[in-house]
Structures are given as C-alpha cells and as structure tokens.
C-alpha cells in the first residue's frame, strides 16, 4: 500500500534553514507528481509546492517563492523541500501528498517551528 513518511522537521530560528524529506513506497514513484502542503491549527491545509514526475517542473505558493525549493530523487523514491530564510509564519505541520487517480494520499506530517 502507499506509504509516505516525512522527516526533517524541528525548531529553527528565523532566517534559518531546514530540509524536509518524504520517503515513498507502495507505488511507482517516478510517474507521479508530488506535493508539499502545510497546516496551522484552525486553518485549512495550504499548498506549498509541487514537482512533476518526469520533467521535474516546479510550482510554489507566493508566500514561499524564492525561499523554498522542492525537488525529487526518483532513484531514492524521495521528495524534498529545502526551506531557507525561514519566518515565524512558516511554522506549521508539513505534509507530503500524492494524488493518484481519484485518491489523495498523505503522510503523517512533520512539525516545523520557527522561533527565536
């Protein structure tokens, strides 16, 4: 079955960096686009970035453009989110997501806290 496991979250000071990883299994990773979302308690889940399967074309939310970089390594079946110049408003639980057919699959999430 599909499994997505995020890691790499933690506590970081404003201006710092983190790299999140999403290890995938149970499906043909290389043929599907992948996405990162984030969610703050009491708010809707927000799309952060997407990366397509073959060409690796990327898209970003305006709030993270120029600071975050999404990538993927199909040989390792892993998607990444490099987050630089972090701000307190980036504090959230970050999830990776796979859309396959009519189904959405989510990982368990990893907490990112940006605070001094």
N, C-alpha and C. Protein backbone atom coordinates (compact mmCIF):
# COMPACT_ATOMS: atom_id res chain seq x y z
N UNK A 1 0.84 -1.17 0.00
CA UNK A 1 0.00 0.00 0.00
C UNK A 1 0.88 1.24 0.00
N UNK A 2 0.27 2.35 -0.38
CA UNK A 2 1.00 3.62 -0.45
C UNK A 2 1.42 4.05 0.96
N UNK A 3 2.69 4.40 1.07
CA UNK A 3 3.20 4.98 2.32
C UNK A 3 4.04 6.19 1.99
N UNK A 4 3.79 7.26 2.74
CA UNK A 4 4.58 8.48 2.65
C UNK A 4 5.04 8.83 4.06
N UNK A 5 6.34 8.96 4.24
CA UNK A 5 6.89 9.22 5.56
C UNK A 5 7.76 10.47 5.51
N UNK A 6 7.28 11.52 6.19
CA UNK A 6 8.03 12.77 6.24
C UNK A 6 9.03 12.75 7.40
N UNK A 7 10.11 13.51 7.21
CA UNK A 7 11.09 13.69 8.27
C UNK A 7 11.82 15.01 8.03
N UNK A 8 12.57 15.44 9.04
CA UNK A 8 13.39 16.63 8.89
C UNK A 8 12.87 17.88 9.56
N UNK A 9 11.69 17.81 10.15
CA UNK A 9 11.18 18.97 10.84
C UNK A 9 11.92 19.24 12.14
N UNK A 10 11.59 20.37 12.75
CA UNK A 10 12.22 20.72 14.02
C UNK A 10 12.04 22.18 14.34
N UNK A 11 12.82 22.62 15.33
CA UNK A 11 12.81 24.00 15.77
C UNK A 11 14.00 24.73 15.14
N UNK A 12 13.73 25.88 14.54
CA UNK A 12 14.79 26.65 13.91
C UNK A 12 14.54 28.13 14.15
N UNK A 13 15.60 28.90 14.21
CA UNK A 13 15.47 30.34 14.41
C UNK A 13 15.07 31.03 13.11
N UNK A 14 14.44 32.17 13.21
CA UNK A 14 14.12 32.94 11.99
C UNK A 14 15.39 33.18 11.17
N UNK A 15 15.24 33.01 9.85
CA UNK A 15 16.39 33.14 8.96
C UNK A 15 17.13 31.84 8.72
N UNK A 16 16.79 30.82 9.48
CA UNK A 16 17.47 29.53 9.35
C UNK A 16 16.91 28.68 8.23
N UNK A 17 17.43 27.46 8.16
CA UNK A 17 17.06 26.54 7.08
C UNK A 17 16.73 25.16 7.64
N UNK A 18 15.87 24.47 6.91
CA UNK A 18 15.59 23.05 7.17
C UNK A 18 15.36 22.37 5.84
N UNK A 19 15.65 21.07 5.81
CA UNK A 19 15.30 20.28 4.64
C UNK A 19 14.40 19.13 5.06
N UNK A 20 13.21 19.12 4.50
CA UNK A 20 12.26 18.04 4.76
C UNK A 20 12.42 16.96 3.69
N UNK A 21 12.19 15.72 4.12
CA UNK A 21 12.22 14.59 3.19
C UNK A 21 10.89 13.85 3.27
N UNK A 22 10.52 13.25 2.16
CA UNK A 22 9.31 12.43 2.09
C UNK A 22 9.68 11.13 1.40
N UNK A 23 9.81 10.07 2.17
CA UNK A 23 10.16 8.75 1.63
C UNK A 23 8.89 8.03 1.22
N UNK A 24 8.87 7.58 -0.04
CA UNK A 24 7.65 6.99 -0.60
C UNK A 24 7.83 5.50 -0.88
N UNK A 25 6.75 4.75 -0.73
CA UNK A 25 6.76 3.32 -1.07
C UNK A 25 5.35 2.89 -1.44
N UNK A 26 5.25 1.74 -2.11
CA UNK A 26 3.95 1.18 -2.43
C UNK A 26 3.36 1.64 -3.74
N UNK A 27 4.10 2.40 -4.51
CA UNK A 27 3.62 2.83 -5.83
C UNK A 27 4.84 3.21 -6.68
N UNK A 28 4.60 3.39 -7.99
CA UNK A 28 5.68 3.75 -8.90
C UNK A 28 5.97 5.23 -8.78
N UNK A 29 6.88 5.56 -7.90
CA UNK A 29 7.15 6.95 -7.52
C UNK A 29 7.44 7.84 -8.73
N UNK A 30 8.22 7.33 -9.68
CA UNK A 30 8.74 8.18 -10.75
C UNK A 30 7.66 8.71 -11.69
N UNK A 31 6.46 8.15 -11.70
CA UNK A 31 5.46 8.57 -12.69
C UNK A 31 4.43 9.53 -12.12
N UNK A 32 4.56 9.88 -10.85
CA UNK A 32 3.57 10.75 -10.23
C UNK A 32 4.18 12.06 -9.75
N UNK A 33 3.40 13.14 -9.93
CA UNK A 33 3.77 14.40 -9.31
C UNK A 33 3.65 14.27 -7.79
N UNK A 34 4.42 15.07 -7.11
CA UNK A 34 4.38 15.10 -5.64
C UNK A 34 4.17 16.53 -5.18
N UNK A 35 3.62 16.67 -3.99
CA UNK A 35 3.34 18.00 -3.46
C UNK A 35 3.67 18.06 -1.97
N UNK A 36 3.96 19.26 -1.53
CA UNK A 36 4.09 19.56 -0.10
C UNK A 36 2.99 20.53 0.28
N UNK A 37 2.33 20.25 1.39
CA UNK A 37 1.32 21.13 1.98
C UNK A 37 1.76 21.46 3.40
N UNK A 38 1.11 22.45 3.98
CA UNK A 38 1.32 22.74 5.39
C UNK A 38 0.00 23.15 6.02
N UNK A 39 -0.06 22.98 7.33
CA UNK A 39 -1.31 23.30 8.04
C UNK A 39 -1.01 23.83 9.42
N UNK A 40 -1.69 24.92 9.75
CA UNK A 40 -1.64 25.52 11.08
C UNK A 40 -2.97 25.18 11.76
N UNK A 41 -2.95 24.88 13.05
CA UNK A 41 -4.20 24.55 13.74
C UNK A 41 -5.28 25.61 13.52
N UNK A 42 -6.46 25.14 13.17
CA UNK A 42 -7.58 26.05 12.96
C UNK A 42 -7.67 26.63 11.57
N UNK A 43 -6.70 26.27 10.72
CA UNK A 43 -6.72 26.78 9.35
C UNK A 43 -6.72 25.62 8.37
N UNK A 44 -7.12 25.93 7.12
CA UNK A 44 -7.12 24.91 6.08
C UNK A 44 -5.69 24.56 5.67
N UNK A 45 -5.55 23.34 5.16
CA UNK A 45 -4.25 22.92 4.65
C UNK A 45 -3.91 23.76 3.42
N UNK A 46 -2.67 24.21 3.36
CA UNK A 46 -2.23 25.13 2.30
C UNK A 46 -1.22 24.43 1.40
N UNK A 47 -1.41 24.55 0.08
CA UNK A 47 -0.44 24.01 -0.86
C UNK A 47 0.82 24.87 -0.86
N UNK A 48 1.97 24.22 -0.66
CA UNK A 48 3.24 24.95 -0.60
C UNK A 48 3.99 24.86 -1.93
N UNK A 49 4.12 23.63 -2.45
CA UNK A 49 4.92 23.44 -3.67
C UNK A 49 4.58 22.11 -4.31
N UNK A 50 4.78 22.05 -5.63
CA UNK A 50 4.58 20.81 -6.38
C UNK A 50 5.75 20.58 -7.32
N UNK A 51 5.98 19.30 -7.63
CA UNK A 51 7.00 18.94 -8.60
C UNK A 51 6.44 17.83 -9.48
N UNK A 52 6.56 18.00 -10.80
CA UNK A 52 6.02 16.99 -11.71
C UNK A 52 6.95 15.78 -11.76
N UNK A 53 6.45 14.74 -12.45
CA UNK A 53 7.14 13.45 -12.39
C UNK A 53 8.39 13.41 -13.27
N UNK A 54 8.23 13.61 -14.57
CA UNK A 54 9.34 13.37 -15.50
C UNK A 54 10.24 14.59 -15.63
N UNK A 55 9.66 15.72 -15.95
CA UNK A 55 10.47 16.93 -16.19
C UNK A 55 10.89 17.61 -14.90
N UNK A 56 10.20 17.29 -13.81
CA UNK A 56 10.54 17.95 -12.55
C UNK A 56 10.17 19.42 -12.52
N UNK A 57 9.15 19.78 -13.26
CA UNK A 57 8.69 21.17 -13.24
C UNK A 57 8.12 21.51 -11.87
N UNK A 58 8.45 22.68 -11.37
CA UNK A 58 8.04 23.05 -10.01
C UNK A 58 7.10 24.24 -10.01
N UNK A 59 6.30 24.32 -8.96
CA UNK A 59 5.42 25.46 -8.72
C UNK A 59 5.38 25.72 -7.23
N UNK A 60 5.21 27.01 -6.87
CA UNK A 60 5.27 27.40 -5.47
C UNK A 60 4.16 28.35 -5.12
N UNK A 61 3.74 28.29 -3.86
CA UNK A 61 2.86 29.32 -3.34
C UNK A 61 3.63 30.63 -3.29
N UNK A 62 2.91 31.72 -3.49
CA UNK A 62 3.57 33.03 -3.48
C UNK A 62 4.31 33.29 -2.17
N UNK A 63 3.77 32.76 -1.10
CA UNK A 63 4.35 33.03 0.23
C UNK A 63 5.72 32.39 0.43
N UNK A 64 6.09 31.42 -0.41
CA UNK A 64 7.37 30.74 -0.22
C UNK A 64 8.30 30.89 -1.42
N UNK A 65 7.84 31.51 -2.48
CA UNK A 65 8.67 31.67 -3.69
C UNK A 65 9.97 32.37 -3.37
N UNK A 66 11.06 31.82 -3.88
CA UNK A 66 12.36 32.40 -3.66
C UNK A 66 13.03 31.96 -2.37
N UNK A 67 12.27 31.26 -1.51
CA UNK A 67 12.83 30.79 -0.24
C UNK A 67 12.82 29.26 -0.14
N UNK A 68 11.82 28.62 -0.71
CA UNK A 68 11.69 27.16 -0.65
C UNK A 68 12.01 26.56 -2.00
N UNK A 69 12.56 25.34 -1.98
CA UNK A 69 12.85 24.61 -3.21
C UNK A 69 12.38 23.17 -3.06
N UNK A 70 11.49 22.76 -3.95
CA UNK A 70 11.03 21.38 -3.96
C UNK A 70 11.85 20.61 -4.99
N UNK A 71 12.16 19.36 -4.67
CA UNK A 71 12.91 18.52 -5.61
C UNK A 71 12.54 17.07 -5.36
N UNK A 72 13.06 16.19 -6.20
CA UNK A 72 12.79 14.78 -6.04
C UNK A 72 13.98 13.97 -6.56
N UNK A 73 14.16 12.82 -5.97
CA UNK A 73 15.17 11.86 -6.42
C UNK A 73 14.43 10.56 -6.69
N UNK A 74 14.18 10.28 -7.96
CA UNK A 74 13.39 9.10 -8.29
C UNK A 74 14.12 7.80 -7.97
N UNK A 75 15.45 7.83 -7.97
CA UNK A 75 16.18 6.61 -7.62
C UNK A 75 16.04 6.29 -6.14
N UNK A 76 15.87 7.31 -5.32
CA UNK A 76 15.69 7.11 -3.88
C UNK A 76 14.23 7.13 -3.48
N UNK A 77 13.33 7.37 -4.42
CA UNK A 77 11.90 7.41 -4.14
C UNK A 77 11.60 8.43 -3.04
N UNK A 78 12.22 9.57 -3.15
CA UNK A 78 12.10 10.59 -2.10
C UNK A 78 11.88 11.97 -2.70
N UNK A 79 10.97 12.70 -2.07
CA UNK A 79 10.76 14.11 -2.41
C UNK A 79 11.33 14.97 -1.28
N UNK A 80 11.77 16.16 -1.62
CA UNK A 80 12.42 17.03 -0.65
C UNK A 80 11.79 18.42 -0.69
N UNK A 81 11.90 19.11 0.44
CA UNK A 81 11.54 20.52 0.49
C UNK A 81 12.64 21.24 1.25
N UNK A 82 13.47 21.97 0.52
CA UNK A 82 14.51 22.79 1.12
C UNK A 82 13.90 24.13 1.48
N UNK A 83 13.98 24.49 2.76
CA UNK A 83 13.36 25.71 3.24
C UNK A 83 14.45 26.63 3.79
N UNK A 84 14.63 27.76 3.16
CA UNK A 84 15.62 28.75 3.57
C UNK A 84 14.93 30.05 3.99
N UNK A 85 15.69 30.88 4.67
CA UNK A 85 15.17 32.18 5.13
C UNK A 85 13.82 32.01 5.82
N UNK A 86 13.77 31.06 6.72
CA UNK A 86 12.50 30.74 7.37
C UNK A 86 12.00 31.89 8.23
N UNK A 87 10.67 32.01 8.26
CA UNK A 87 10.00 33.07 9.02
C UNK A 87 9.07 32.43 10.05
N UNK A 88 8.75 33.15 11.11
CA UNK A 88 7.81 32.59 12.10
C UNK A 88 6.49 32.13 11.47
N UNK A 89 6.04 32.81 10.44
CA UNK A 89 4.77 32.43 9.79
C UNK A 89 4.88 31.15 8.98
N UNK A 90 6.08 30.59 8.85
CA UNK A 90 6.24 29.28 8.21
C UNK A 90 5.97 28.14 9.20
N UNK A 91 5.80 28.47 10.47
CA UNK A 91 5.51 27.45 11.48
C UNK A 91 4.22 26.72 11.13
N UNK A 92 4.31 25.39 11.04
CA UNK A 92 3.17 24.58 10.63
C UNK A 92 3.58 23.11 10.68
N UNK A 93 2.61 22.24 10.50
CA UNK A 93 2.90 20.83 10.22
C UNK A 93 2.96 20.71 8.69
N UNK A 94 4.02 20.11 8.21
CA UNK A 94 4.23 19.96 6.78
C UNK A 94 3.95 18.51 6.36
N UNK A 95 3.18 18.37 5.28
CA UNK A 95 2.78 17.07 4.78
C UNK A 95 3.20 16.91 3.33
N UNK A 96 3.62 15.70 2.95
CA UNK A 96 3.74 15.44 1.53
C UNK A 96 2.49 14.71 1.06
N UNK A 97 2.19 14.86 -0.23
CA UNK A 97 0.94 14.35 -0.77
C UNK A 97 1.16 13.79 -2.15
N UNK A 98 0.48 12.66 -2.39
CA UNK A 98 0.43 12.02 -3.69
C UNK A 98 -1.02 11.99 -4.15
N UNK A 99 -1.26 12.45 -5.37
CA UNK A 99 -2.59 12.31 -5.96
C UNK A 99 -2.50 11.22 -7.02
N UNK A 100 -3.23 10.14 -6.81
CA UNK A 100 -3.22 9.04 -7.76
C UNK A 100 -4.67 8.71 -8.12
N UNK A 101 -5.05 9.01 -9.34
CA UNK A 101 -6.44 8.82 -9.73
C UNK A 101 -7.33 9.74 -8.92
N UNK A 102 -8.35 9.16 -8.32
CA UNK A 102 -9.30 9.97 -7.55
C UNK A 102 -8.92 10.04 -6.07
N UNK A 103 -7.80 9.42 -5.72
CA UNK A 103 -7.41 9.36 -4.32
C UNK A 103 -6.22 10.27 -4.01
N UNK A 104 -6.27 10.86 -2.83
CA UNK A 104 -5.16 11.62 -2.28
C UNK A 104 -4.56 10.82 -1.14
N UNK A 105 -3.23 10.74 -1.13
CA UNK A 105 -2.53 10.04 -0.07
C UNK A 105 -1.64 11.04 0.67
N UNK A 106 -1.65 10.93 2.01
CA UNK A 106 -0.92 11.87 2.84
C UNK A 106 0.03 11.14 3.78
N UNK A 107 1.13 11.79 4.08
CA UNK A 107 1.98 11.30 5.14
C UNK A 107 1.44 11.75 6.49
N UNK A 108 2.18 11.43 7.55
CA UNK A 108 1.73 11.76 8.91
C UNK A 108 2.08 13.19 9.29
N UNK A 109 2.96 13.81 8.52
CA UNK A 109 3.33 15.20 8.78
C UNK A 109 4.56 15.32 9.67
N UNK A 110 5.24 16.45 9.52
CA UNK A 110 6.38 16.76 10.37
C UNK A 110 6.28 18.22 10.80
N UNK A 111 6.49 18.46 12.09
CA UNK A 111 6.31 19.80 12.65
C UNK A 111 7.53 20.66 12.36
N UNK A 112 7.27 21.85 11.86
CA UNK A 112 8.31 22.86 11.68
C UNK A 112 7.93 24.06 12.54
N UNK A 113 8.83 24.46 13.43
CA UNK A 113 8.60 25.61 14.29
C UNK A 113 9.73 26.61 14.10
N UNK A 114 9.36 27.83 13.73
CA UNK A 114 10.35 28.89 13.50
C UNK A 114 10.17 29.92 14.62
N UNK A 115 11.14 29.97 15.51
CA UNK A 115 11.01 30.83 16.68
C UNK A 115 12.38 31.13 17.24
N UNK A 116 12.51 32.33 17.81
CA UNK A 116 13.76 32.67 18.48
C UNK A 116 13.66 32.37 19.97
